[in-house]
């Protein structure tokens, strides 16, 4: 194999540092070990962040996630550890990591951890009209001719 698990997270310059924009990543094959039983724990991780000066490079993120495969961690510990490592490497304006662990002993666990850059405030959300729901909207699949 040419790639091996690694704890090194690489970054690259944010191509649009002048604006807040959301970066969303889904990591559906996260695996670590239960520290009590040694059995594998599986999770879907969702990473959402607003970059400042850098973004996380995807191959290094994949190898970083892979590095937990043979390590024992409680769900709360591994979620917070990953967030801390990512926030330290990327130094984002905002970052949220959601870890949805598969059922174990009849219990699903979801852990959500957040990081905010000191002084960063989220922009005001702008709500635009949903034109697809307006009656008689002249859009594809809902033209005036078909709506009548």
N, C-alpha and C. Protein backbone atom coordinates (compact mmCIF):
# COMPACT_ATOMS: atom_id res chain seq x y z
N UNK A 1 0.83 -1.18 0.00
CA UNK A 1 0.00 0.00 0.00
C UNK A 1 0.87 1.25 0.00
N UNK A 2 0.48 2.23 -0.75
CA UNK A 2 1.27 3.46 -0.81
C UNK A 2 0.93 4.44 0.30
N UNK A 3 -0.22 4.27 0.93
CA UNK A 3 -0.64 5.18 1.99
C UNK A 3 -0.75 4.44 3.30
N UNK A 4 -0.37 5.12 4.38
CA UNK A 4 -0.47 4.54 5.72
C UNK A 4 -1.20 5.53 6.61
N UNK A 5 -1.85 5.04 7.67
CA UNK A 5 -2.50 5.96 8.60
C UNK A 5 -1.50 6.97 9.14
N UNK A 6 -1.99 8.17 9.42
CA UNK A 6 -1.11 9.23 9.89
C UNK A 6 -1.89 10.21 10.76
N UNK A 7 -1.25 10.77 11.76
CA UNK A 7 -1.87 11.79 12.60
C UNK A 7 -1.60 13.20 12.05
N UNK A 8 -0.88 13.30 10.93
CA UNK A 8 -0.53 14.60 10.36
C UNK A 8 -1.68 15.13 9.49
N UNK A 9 -2.20 16.29 9.86
CA UNK A 9 -3.24 16.94 9.08
C UNK A 9 -2.59 18.07 8.27
N UNK A 10 -2.76 18.01 6.96
CA UNK A 10 -2.21 19.03 6.08
C UNK A 10 -3.30 20.03 5.72
N UNK A 11 -2.88 21.24 5.40
CA UNK A 11 -3.81 22.30 5.02
C UNK A 11 -3.37 22.94 3.72
N UNK A 12 -4.25 23.75 3.14
CA UNK A 12 -3.93 24.55 1.97
C UNK A 12 -4.61 25.90 2.14
N UNK A 13 -4.14 26.93 1.43
CA UNK A 13 -4.71 28.26 1.61
C UNK A 13 -6.20 28.31 1.22
N UNK A 14 -6.99 28.99 2.03
CA UNK A 14 -8.40 29.21 1.75
C UNK A 14 -8.51 30.04 0.47
N UNK A 15 -9.21 29.54 -0.56
CA UNK A 15 -9.29 30.30 -1.80
C UNK A 15 -10.20 31.53 -1.72
N UNK A 16 -10.99 31.66 -0.66
CA UNK A 16 -11.88 32.82 -0.51
C UNK A 16 -11.92 33.28 0.94
N UNK A 17 -10.78 33.73 1.48
CA UNK A 17 -10.73 34.11 2.89
C UNK A 17 -11.53 35.37 3.22
N UNK A 18 -11.97 36.10 2.21
CA UNK A 18 -12.73 37.33 2.41
C UNK A 18 -14.19 37.06 2.75
N UNK A 19 -14.63 35.78 2.69
CA UNK A 19 -16.04 35.49 2.93
C UNK A 19 -16.21 34.29 3.84
N UNK A 20 -17.28 34.30 4.62
CA UNK A 20 -17.69 33.12 5.38
C UNK A 20 -18.45 32.20 4.43
N UNK A 21 -18.00 30.98 4.29
CA UNK A 21 -18.74 29.97 3.52
C UNK A 21 -18.57 28.64 4.22
N UNK A 22 -19.57 27.81 4.12
CA UNK A 22 -19.59 26.54 4.84
C UNK A 22 -18.93 25.44 4.02
N UNK A 23 -18.06 24.70 4.67
CA UNK A 23 -17.46 23.49 4.09
C UNK A 23 -18.06 22.32 4.85
N UNK A 24 -18.65 21.39 4.12
CA UNK A 24 -19.35 20.26 4.72
C UNK A 24 -18.72 18.97 4.22
N UNK A 25 -18.34 18.09 5.15
CA UNK A 25 -17.75 16.80 4.80
C UNK A 25 -18.44 15.70 5.59
N UNK A 26 -18.67 14.59 4.92
CA UNK A 26 -19.23 13.42 5.59
C UNK A 26 -18.21 12.30 5.51
N UNK A 27 -17.95 11.69 6.64
CA UNK A 27 -16.97 10.62 6.75
C UNK A 27 -17.73 9.38 7.24
N UNK A 28 -18.24 8.55 6.31
CA UNK A 28 -19.16 7.48 6.69
C UNK A 28 -18.50 6.19 7.18
N UNK A 29 -17.18 6.11 7.16
CA UNK A 29 -16.53 4.85 7.52
C UNK A 29 -15.56 4.99 8.68
N UNK A 30 -15.87 5.87 9.64
CA UNK A 30 -14.97 6.03 10.79
C UNK A 30 -15.04 4.80 11.68
N UNK A 31 -13.89 4.35 12.14
CA UNK A 31 -13.80 3.19 13.03
C UNK A 31 -12.75 3.44 14.10
N UNK A 32 -13.10 3.09 15.33
CA UNK A 32 -12.13 3.02 16.42
C UNK A 32 -12.52 1.79 17.24
N UNK A 33 -11.82 1.56 18.31
CA UNK A 33 -12.10 0.39 19.14
C UNK A 33 -12.72 0.82 20.47
N UNK A 34 -13.62 -0.01 20.99
CA UNK A 34 -14.15 0.21 22.32
C UNK A 34 -13.03 -0.02 23.33
N UNK A 35 -12.75 0.92 24.23
CA UNK A 35 -11.65 0.74 25.17
C UNK A 35 -11.94 -0.33 26.23
N UNK A 36 -13.20 -0.72 26.38
CA UNK A 36 -13.56 -1.76 27.36
C UNK A 36 -13.49 -3.16 26.78
N UNK A 37 -14.01 -3.33 25.54
CA UNK A 37 -14.11 -4.67 24.97
C UNK A 37 -13.13 -4.94 23.84
N UNK A 38 -12.58 -3.88 23.26
CA UNK A 38 -11.69 -4.05 22.11
C UNK A 38 -12.44 -4.29 20.81
N UNK A 39 -13.76 -4.30 20.86
CA UNK A 39 -14.56 -4.49 19.64
C UNK A 39 -14.64 -3.18 18.87
N UNK A 40 -14.82 -3.28 17.56
CA UNK A 40 -14.87 -2.05 16.76
C UNK A 40 -16.14 -1.26 16.99
N UNK A 41 -15.99 0.06 17.00
CA UNK A 41 -17.10 1.01 17.02
C UNK A 41 -17.09 1.72 15.68
N UNK A 42 -18.26 1.80 15.06
CA UNK A 42 -18.38 2.43 13.74
C UNK A 42 -19.21 3.70 13.88
N UNK A 43 -18.83 4.73 13.11
CA UNK A 43 -19.55 6.00 13.17
C UNK A 43 -19.53 6.70 11.83
N UNK A 44 -20.51 7.55 11.66
CA UNK A 44 -20.53 8.50 10.56
C UNK A 44 -20.17 9.85 11.18
N UNK A 45 -19.10 10.46 10.70
CA UNK A 45 -18.70 11.77 11.19
C UNK A 45 -19.11 12.82 10.17
N UNK A 46 -19.64 13.92 10.66
CA UNK A 46 -20.00 15.04 9.81
C UNK A 46 -19.21 16.24 10.29
N UNK A 47 -18.42 16.80 9.39
CA UNK A 47 -17.59 17.96 9.70
C UNK A 47 -18.12 19.16 8.94
N UNK A 48 -18.45 20.21 9.67
CA UNK A 48 -18.88 21.47 9.08
C UNK A 48 -17.96 22.55 9.62
N UNK A 49 -17.43 23.39 8.73
CA UNK A 49 -16.59 24.47 9.23
C UNK A 49 -16.58 25.66 8.30
N UNK A 50 -16.21 26.79 8.88
CA UNK A 50 -15.99 28.02 8.14
C UNK A 50 -14.51 28.32 8.29
N UNK A 51 -13.82 28.22 7.18
CA UNK A 51 -12.36 28.39 7.19
C UNK A 51 -11.99 29.84 7.43
N UNK A 52 -10.80 30.03 7.94
CA UNK A 52 -10.25 31.38 8.04
C UNK A 52 -9.18 31.51 6.96
N UNK A 53 -7.95 31.15 7.28
CA UNK A 53 -6.86 31.27 6.30
C UNK A 53 -6.54 29.96 5.58
N UNK A 54 -6.91 28.82 6.20
CA UNK A 54 -6.58 27.53 5.59
C UNK A 54 -7.77 26.57 5.62
N UNK A 55 -7.68 25.55 4.77
CA UNK A 55 -8.66 24.46 4.70
C UNK A 55 -7.91 23.14 4.90
N UNK A 56 -8.61 22.11 5.35
CA UNK A 56 -7.96 20.82 5.54
C UNK A 56 -7.89 20.09 4.20
N UNK A 57 -6.75 19.47 3.95
CA UNK A 57 -6.53 18.72 2.73
C UNK A 57 -7.14 17.32 2.90
N UNK A 58 -7.90 16.86 1.91
CA UNK A 58 -8.73 15.66 2.06
C UNK A 58 -7.95 14.36 2.23
N UNK A 59 -6.87 14.16 1.50
CA UNK A 59 -6.12 12.90 1.66
C UNK A 59 -5.55 12.80 3.07
N UNK A 60 -5.01 13.90 3.59
CA UNK A 60 -4.47 13.85 4.94
C UNK A 60 -5.59 13.62 5.96
N UNK A 61 -6.78 14.18 5.70
CA UNK A 61 -7.93 13.94 6.58
C UNK A 61 -8.30 12.46 6.57
N UNK A 62 -8.32 11.85 5.40
CA UNK A 62 -8.63 10.42 5.28
C UNK A 62 -7.62 9.58 6.06
N UNK A 63 -6.33 9.86 5.90
CA UNK A 63 -5.30 9.09 6.59
C UNK A 63 -5.35 9.33 8.09
N UNK A 64 -5.70 10.55 8.49
CA UNK A 64 -5.86 10.88 9.91
C UNK A 64 -7.01 10.06 10.51
N UNK A 65 -8.14 10.04 9.84
CA UNK A 65 -9.29 9.28 10.34
C UNK A 65 -8.96 7.79 10.42
N UNK A 66 -8.23 7.31 9.45
CA UNK A 66 -7.83 5.92 9.40
C UNK A 66 -6.93 5.57 10.59
N UNK A 67 -6.22 6.54 11.13
CA UNK A 67 -5.26 6.28 12.22
C UNK A 67 -5.94 5.85 13.52
N UNK A 68 -7.25 6.04 13.63
CA UNK A 68 -7.96 5.65 14.85
C UNK A 68 -8.44 4.21 14.83
N UNK A 69 -8.30 3.55 13.71
CA UNK A 69 -8.87 2.22 13.51
C UNK A 69 -8.44 1.20 14.58
N UNK A 70 -7.21 1.28 15.04
CA UNK A 70 -6.70 0.30 16.00
C UNK A 70 -6.51 0.90 17.39
N UNK A 71 -7.15 2.04 17.65
CA UNK A 71 -7.02 2.69 18.95
C UNK A 71 -8.33 2.60 19.73
N UNK A 72 -8.21 2.43 21.05
CA UNK A 72 -9.38 2.39 21.92
C UNK A 72 -9.75 3.79 22.41
N UNK A 73 -11.00 4.20 22.19
CA UNK A 73 -11.46 5.52 22.61
C UNK A 73 -12.94 5.46 22.98
N UNK A 74 -13.32 6.16 24.03
CA UNK A 74 -14.73 6.39 24.29
C UNK A 74 -15.23 7.38 23.23
N UNK A 75 -16.51 7.30 22.91
CA UNK A 75 -17.09 8.14 21.85
C UNK A 75 -16.86 9.63 22.12
N UNK A 76 -17.07 10.03 23.35
CA UNK A 76 -16.91 11.45 23.72
C UNK A 76 -15.47 11.90 23.56
N UNK A 77 -14.54 11.03 23.96
CA UNK A 77 -13.11 11.35 23.87
C UNK A 77 -12.66 11.50 22.43
N UNK A 78 -13.00 10.54 21.58
CA UNK A 78 -12.48 10.56 20.23
C UNK A 78 -13.08 11.73 19.44
N UNK A 79 -14.34 12.06 19.70
CA UNK A 79 -14.97 13.19 19.00
C UNK A 79 -14.27 14.49 19.36
N UNK A 80 -14.05 14.72 20.64
CA UNK A 80 -13.39 15.95 21.08
C UNK A 80 -11.93 15.99 20.67
N UNK A 81 -11.27 14.87 20.67
CA UNK A 81 -9.86 14.81 20.25
C UNK A 81 -9.72 15.17 18.77
N UNK A 82 -10.60 14.61 17.95
CA UNK A 82 -10.56 14.91 16.51
C UNK A 82 -10.85 16.39 16.28
N UNK A 83 -11.86 16.93 16.95
CA UNK A 83 -12.16 18.35 16.80
C UNK A 83 -10.98 19.21 17.22
N UNK A 84 -10.37 18.90 18.35
CA UNK A 84 -9.20 19.66 18.81
C UNK A 84 -8.07 19.62 17.80
N UNK A 85 -7.79 18.44 17.25
CA UNK A 85 -6.70 18.30 16.27
C UNK A 85 -7.01 19.08 14.99
N UNK A 86 -8.26 18.98 14.52
CA UNK A 86 -8.64 19.71 13.31
C UNK A 86 -8.61 21.22 13.53
N UNK A 87 -9.15 21.67 14.66
CA UNK A 87 -9.15 23.10 14.96
C UNK A 87 -7.73 23.64 15.10
N UNK A 88 -6.84 22.84 15.68
CA UNK A 88 -5.45 23.25 15.84
C UNK A 88 -4.75 23.37 14.48
N UNK A 89 -5.05 22.44 13.57
CA UNK A 89 -4.39 22.45 12.26
C UNK A 89 -4.96 23.53 11.34
N UNK A 90 -6.28 23.67 11.32
CA UNK A 90 -6.95 24.54 10.36
C UNK A 90 -7.14 25.96 10.89
N UNK A 91 -7.29 26.09 12.21
CA UNK A 91 -7.58 27.38 12.84
C UNK A 91 -8.79 28.07 12.18
N UNK A 92 -9.93 27.37 12.16
CA UNK A 92 -11.11 27.90 11.47
C UNK A 92 -11.80 29.01 12.26
N UNK A 93 -12.68 29.72 11.59
CA UNK A 93 -13.53 30.68 12.28
C UNK A 93 -14.54 29.93 13.14
N UNK A 94 -15.04 28.82 12.58
CA UNK A 94 -16.02 28.00 13.28
C UNK A 94 -15.88 26.57 12.78
N UNK A 95 -16.08 25.61 13.68
CA UNK A 95 -16.04 24.20 13.29
C UNK A 95 -16.96 23.40 14.19
N UNK A 96 -17.71 22.49 13.57
CA UNK A 96 -18.57 21.56 14.32
C UNK A 96 -18.31 20.15 13.82
N UNK A 97 -18.11 19.23 14.75
CA UNK A 97 -17.96 17.82 14.42
C UNK A 97 -19.10 17.06 15.07
N UNK A 98 -19.87 16.35 14.26
CA UNK A 98 -20.95 15.51 14.75
C UNK A 98 -20.56 14.06 14.50
N UNK A 99 -20.55 13.26 15.56
CA UNK A 99 -20.20 11.84 15.45
C UNK A 99 -21.43 11.01 15.80
N UNK A 100 -21.94 10.28 14.82
CA UNK A 100 -23.10 9.42 15.02
C UNK A 100 -22.63 7.97 15.02
N UNK A 101 -22.53 7.40 16.21
CA UNK A 101 -22.05 6.03 16.35
C UNK A 101 -23.19 5.04 16.16
N UNK A 102 -22.88 3.95 15.51
CA UNK A 102 -23.87 2.90 15.27
C UNK A 102 -24.25 2.25 16.60
N UNK A 103 -25.36 1.55 16.58
CA UNK A 103 -25.90 0.94 17.79
C UNK A 103 -24.90 -0.04 18.41
N UNK A 104 -24.81 0.03 19.74
CA UNK A 104 -23.98 -0.91 20.50
C UNK A 104 -24.74 -1.21 21.76
N UNK A 105 -25.14 -2.46 21.95
CA UNK A 105 -25.89 -2.85 23.15
C UNK A 105 -27.25 -2.15 23.23
N UNK A 106 -27.84 -1.87 22.06
CA UNK A 106 -29.15 -1.24 22.03
C UNK A 106 -29.11 0.28 22.21
N UNK A 107 -27.92 0.88 22.16
CA UNK A 107 -27.80 2.33 22.38
C UNK A 107 -27.08 2.97 21.20
N UNK A 108 -27.71 4.00 20.61
CA UNK A 108 -27.05 4.85 19.63
C UNK A 108 -26.45 6.03 20.40
N UNK A 109 -25.26 6.45 20.02
CA UNK A 109 -24.63 7.61 20.65
C UNK A 109 -24.33 8.64 19.57
N UNK A 110 -24.70 9.90 19.84
CA UNK A 110 -24.32 11.02 18.98
C UNK A 110 -23.62 12.04 19.85
N UNK A 111 -22.43 12.46 19.42
CA UNK A 111 -21.65 13.46 20.14
C UNK A 111 -21.43 14.64 19.18
N UNK A 112 -21.75 15.85 19.65
CA UNK A 112 -21.56 17.06 18.85
C UNK A 112 -20.62 17.98 19.62
N UNK A 113 -19.52 18.37 18.98
CA UNK A 113 -18.54 19.26 19.61
C UNK A 113 -18.29 20.43 18.67
N UNK A 114 -18.11 21.63 19.25
CA UNK A 114 -17.92 22.84 18.46
C UNK A 114 -16.70 23.63 18.90
N UNK A 115 -16.15 24.36 17.94
CA UNK A 115 -15.03 25.28 18.18
C UNK A 115 -15.38 26.60 17.52
N UNK A 116 -15.14 27.72 18.21
CA UNK A 116 -15.33 29.06 17.63
C UNK A 116 -14.06 29.87 17.85
N UNK A 117 -13.62 30.55 16.81
CA UNK A 117 -12.50 31.47 16.93
C UNK A 117 -12.95 32.62 17.82
N UNK A 118 -12.09 33.03 18.73
CA UNK A 118 -12.43 34.12 19.64
C UNK A 118 -12.82 35.35 18.84
N UNK A 119 -13.98 35.91 19.17
CA UNK A 119 -14.46 37.12 18.52
C UNK A 119 -15.27 36.89 17.26
N UNK A 120 -15.29 35.65 16.72
CA UNK A 120 -16.05 35.40 15.50
C UNK A 120 -17.54 35.33 15.81
N UNK A 121 -18.32 36.01 15.01
CA UNK A 121 -19.78 35.97 15.13
C UNK A 121 -20.35 35.47 13.81
N UNK A 122 -21.32 34.57 13.87
CA UNK A 122 -21.89 34.08 12.62
C UNK A 122 -22.65 35.20 11.91
N UNK A 123 -22.62 35.17 10.58
CA UNK A 123 -23.37 36.18 9.84
C UNK A 123 -24.87 35.96 10.03
N UNK A 124 -25.64 37.02 9.83
CA UNK A 124 -27.09 36.92 9.92
C UNK A 124 -27.57 36.08 8.75
N UNK A 125 -28.43 35.10 9.03
CA UNK A 125 -28.95 34.23 7.98
C UNK A 125 -29.97 35.00 7.14
N UNK A 126 -29.84 34.87 5.84
CA UNK A 126 -30.75 35.51 4.92
C UNK A 126 -31.75 34.48 4.44
N UNK A 127 -33.03 34.76 4.60
CA UNK A 127 -34.08 33.86 4.14
C UNK A 127 -34.63 34.40 2.83
N UNK A 128 -34.51 33.64 1.77
CA UNK A 128 -35.05 34.02 0.47
C UNK A 128 -36.36 33.28 0.23
N UNK A 129 -37.21 33.83 -0.60
CA UNK A 129 -38.48 33.18 -0.92
C UNK A 129 -38.21 31.86 -1.61
N UNK A 130 -38.99 30.85 -1.29
CA UNK A 130 -38.90 29.56 -1.95
C UNK A 130 -39.84 29.60 -3.14
N UNK A 131 -39.30 29.96 -4.30
CA UNK A 131 -40.12 30.16 -5.48
C UNK A 131 -40.82 28.89 -5.94
N UNK A 132 -40.26 27.75 -5.65
CA UNK A 132 -40.88 26.49 -6.08
C UNK A 132 -42.21 26.25 -5.38
N UNK A 133 -42.44 26.86 -4.23
CA UNK A 133 -43.68 26.62 -3.50
C UNK A 133 -44.75 27.66 -3.79
N UNK A 134 -44.41 28.70 -4.55
CA UNK A 134 -45.40 29.72 -4.87
C UNK A 134 -46.40 29.17 -5.89
N UNK A 135 -47.69 29.50 -5.73
CA UNK A 135 -48.68 29.00 -6.70
C UNK A 135 -48.43 29.63 -8.07
N UNK A 136 -48.60 28.83 -9.09
CA UNK A 136 -48.46 29.26 -10.48
C UNK A 136 -47.07 29.80 -10.80
N UNK A 137 -46.05 29.34 -10.11
CA UNK A 137 -44.68 29.78 -10.40
C UNK A 137 -44.29 29.30 -11.79
N UNK A 138 -43.71 30.16 -12.57
CA UNK A 138 -43.32 29.83 -13.93
C UNK A 138 -41.91 29.25 -13.93
N UNK A 139 -41.78 28.03 -13.41
CA UNK A 139 -40.50 27.34 -13.37
C UNK A 139 -40.65 25.98 -14.02
N UNK A 140 -39.55 25.35 -14.32
CA UNK A 140 -39.60 24.01 -14.92
C UNK A 140 -40.42 23.08 -14.06
N UNK A 141 -41.26 22.30 -14.66
CA UNK A 141 -42.06 21.32 -13.94
C UNK A 141 -43.28 21.94 -13.28
N UNK A 142 -43.39 23.27 -13.30
CA UNK A 142 -44.53 23.93 -12.67
C UNK A 142 -44.86 25.20 -13.44
N UNK A 143 -45.01 25.07 -14.75
CA UNK A 143 -45.30 26.26 -15.56
C UNK A 143 -46.74 26.67 -15.38
N UNK A 144 -47.05 27.85 -15.84
CA UNK A 144 -48.42 28.36 -15.74
C UNK A 144 -49.39 27.44 -16.48
N UNK A 145 -48.93 26.86 -17.58
CA UNK A 145 -49.80 25.99 -18.36
C UNK A 145 -50.16 24.72 -17.61
N UNK A 146 -49.19 24.14 -16.86
CA UNK A 146 -49.47 22.90 -16.15
C UNK A 146 -50.10 23.13 -14.79
N UNK A 147 -49.97 24.34 -14.24
CA UNK A 147 -50.51 24.61 -12.91
C UNK A 147 -52.00 24.89 -12.96
N UNK A 148 -52.52 25.20 -14.12
CA UNK A 148 -53.95 25.55 -14.22
C UNK A 148 -54.85 24.35 -14.23
